[in-house]
C-alpha atoms as a PDB file:
ATOM      1  CA  MET A   1     -33.191 -44.287 -80.073  1.00  0.00           C
ATOM      2  CA  SER A   2     -34.858 -44.906 -83.416  1.00  0.00           C
ATOM      3  CA  ASN A   3     -32.639 -42.235 -84.994  1.00  0.00           C
ATOM      4  CA  LEU A   4     -29.776 -44.717 -84.896  1.00  0.00           C
ATOM      5  CA  ASN A   5     -31.746 -47.347 -86.790  1.00  0.00           C
ATOM      6  CA  LYS A   6     -32.399 -44.805 -89.522  1.00  0.00           C
ATOM      7  CA  HIS A   7     -28.650 -44.504 -90.187  1.00  0.00           C
ATOM      8  CA  GLN A   8     -27.548 -48.116 -89.731  1.00  0.00           C
ATOM      9  CA  LYS A   9     -27.542 -48.811 -93.475  1.00  0.00           C
ATOM     10  CA  ASP A  10     -24.755 -46.241 -93.882  1.00  0.00           C
ATOM     11  CA  TYR A  11     -22.353 -48.071 -91.556  1.00  0.00           C
ATOM     12  CA  LYS A  12     -21.022 -51.531 -90.831  1.00  0.00           C
ATOM     13  CA  PRO A  13     -23.253 -53.440 -88.377  1.00  0.00           C
ATOM     14  CA  GLU A  14     -22.837 -52.134 -84.836  1.00  0.00           C
ATOM     15  CA  ALA A  15     -19.653 -50.228 -85.740  1.00  0.00           C
ATOM     16  CA  TRP A  16     -20.671 -47.500 -83.268  1.00  0.00           C
ATOM     17  CA  LYS A  17     -20.017 -49.934 -80.394  1.00  0.00           C
ATOM     18  CA  GLU A  18     -16.278 -49.521 -81.016  1.00  0.00           C
ATOM     19  CA  TYR A  19     -16.386 -45.918 -79.796  1.00  0.00           C
ATOM     20  CA  THR A  20     -15.428 -45.308 -76.179  1.00  0.00           C
ATOM     21  CA  PHE A  21     -17.586 -43.256 -73.821  1.00  0.00           C
ATOM     22  CA  SER A  22     -14.954 -40.539 -74.081  1.00  0.00           C
ATOM     23  CA  GLU A  23     -15.040 -40.480 -77.877  1.00  0.00           C
ATOM     24  CA  LEU A  24     -18.836 -40.388 -77.947  1.00  0.00           C
ATOM     25  CA  GLY A  25     -18.837 -37.640 -75.334  1.00  0.00           C
ATOM     26  CA  ASN A  26     -16.406 -35.624 -77.418  1.00  0.00           C
ATOM     27  CA  PHE A  27     -18.726 -35.879 -80.426  1.00  0.00           C
ATOM     28  CA  VAL A  28     -21.681 -34.710 -78.319  1.00  0.00           C
ATOM     29  CA  HIS A  29     -19.688 -31.837 -76.848  1.00  0.00           C
ATOM     30  CA  LEU A  30     -18.162 -30.605 -80.109  1.00  0.00           C
ATOM     31  CA  LEU A  31     -21.338 -30.911 -82.182  1.00  0.00           C
ATOM     32  CA  ALA A  32     -23.359 -29.085 -79.524  1.00  0.00           C
ATOM     33  CA  LYS A  33     -20.703 -26.388 -79.306  1.00  0.00           C
ATOM     34  CA  ARG A  34     -20.559 -26.036 -83.083  1.00  0.00           C
ATOM     35  CA  ALA A  35     -24.349 -25.767 -83.212  1.00  0.00           C
ATOM     36  CA  GLY A  36     -24.078 -22.746 -80.949  1.00  0.00           C
ATOM     37  CA  HIS A  37     -21.711 -21.109 -83.420  1.00  0.00           C
ATOM     38  CA  ARG A  38     -23.900 -21.682 -86.464  1.00  0.00           C
ATOM     39  CA  ALA A  39     -25.567 -18.748 -88.204  1.00  0.00           C
ATOM     40  CA  ASN A  40     -27.591 -21.129 -90.376  1.00  0.00           C
ATOM     41  CA  PRO A  41     -30.506 -22.593 -88.364  1.00  0.00           C
ATOM     42  CA  VAL A  42     -30.738 -25.653 -90.635  1.00  0.00           C
ATOM     43  CA  LYS A  43     -27.096 -26.550 -90.007  1.00  0.00           C
ATOM     44  CA  GLU A  44     -27.527 -25.797 -86.301  1.00  0.00           C
ATOM     45  CA  ALA A  45     -30.435 -28.244 -86.154  1.00  0.00           C
ATOM     46  CA  LYS A  46     -28.395 -30.890 -88.015  1.00  0.00           C
ATOM     47  CA  ASP A  47     -25.497 -30.545 -85.546  1.00  0.00           C
ATOM     48  CA  LEU A  48     -27.902 -30.926 -82.608  1.00  0.00           C
ATOM     49  CA  TYR A  49     -29.566 -33.906 -84.278  1.00  0.00           C
ATOM     50  CA  ASP A  50     -26.168 -35.561 -84.771  1.00  0.00           C
ATOM     51  CA  ALA A  51     -25.137 -34.760 -81.187  1.00  0.00           C
ATOM     52  CA  GLY A  52     -28.340 -36.445 -80.032  1.00  0.00           C
ATOM     53  CA  ASN A  53     -27.471 -39.559 -82.002  1.00  0.00           C
ATOM     54  CA  TYR A  54     -24.064 -39.799 -80.321  1.00  0.00           C
ATOM     55  CA  LEU A  55     -25.750 -39.274 -76.967  1.00  0.00           C
ATOM     56  CA  ASN A  56     -28.122 -42.135 -77.831  1.00  0.00           C
ATOM     57  CA  MET A  57     -25.099 -44.339 -78.517  1.00  0.00           C
ATOM     58  CA  MET A  58     -23.720 -43.482 -75.082  1.00  0.00           C
ATOM     59  CA  GLU A  59     -27.059 -44.321 -73.485  1.00  0.00           C
ATOM     60  CA  LEU A  60     -27.182 -47.663 -75.285  1.00  0.00           C
ATOM     61  CA  LYS A  61     -23.666 -48.532 -74.100  1.00  0.00           C
ATOM     62  CA  LEU A  62     -24.593 -47.578 -70.534  1.00  0.00           C
ATOM     63  CA  SER A  63     -27.772 -49.619 -70.749  1.00  0.00           C
ATOM     64  CA  ALA A  64     -25.743 -52.629 -71.924  1.00  0.00           C
ATOM     65  CA  LEU A  65     -23.482 -52.301 -68.889  1.00  0.00           C
ATOM     66  CA  ARG A  66     -26.563 -52.364 -66.691  1.00  0.00           C
ATOM     67  CA  GLY A  67     -27.651 -55.565 -68.418  1.00  0.00           C
ATOM     68  CA  ASN A  68     -30.681 -54.016 -70.128  1.00  0.00           C
END
């Protein structure tokens, strides 16, 4: 989950918490799908990296619901 910390300076504190599970899931889905369409392996890797960050956000929200 450290990838999120790396990008925090670019956003308002904890702004990602405003996304719903559905919105985060859409980001994961669309970025992963787009990665599969990429001819450029560098851009493909970036899309998958970004999808992973949105997935991490979902996991953090789920963990919060569990009380962790």
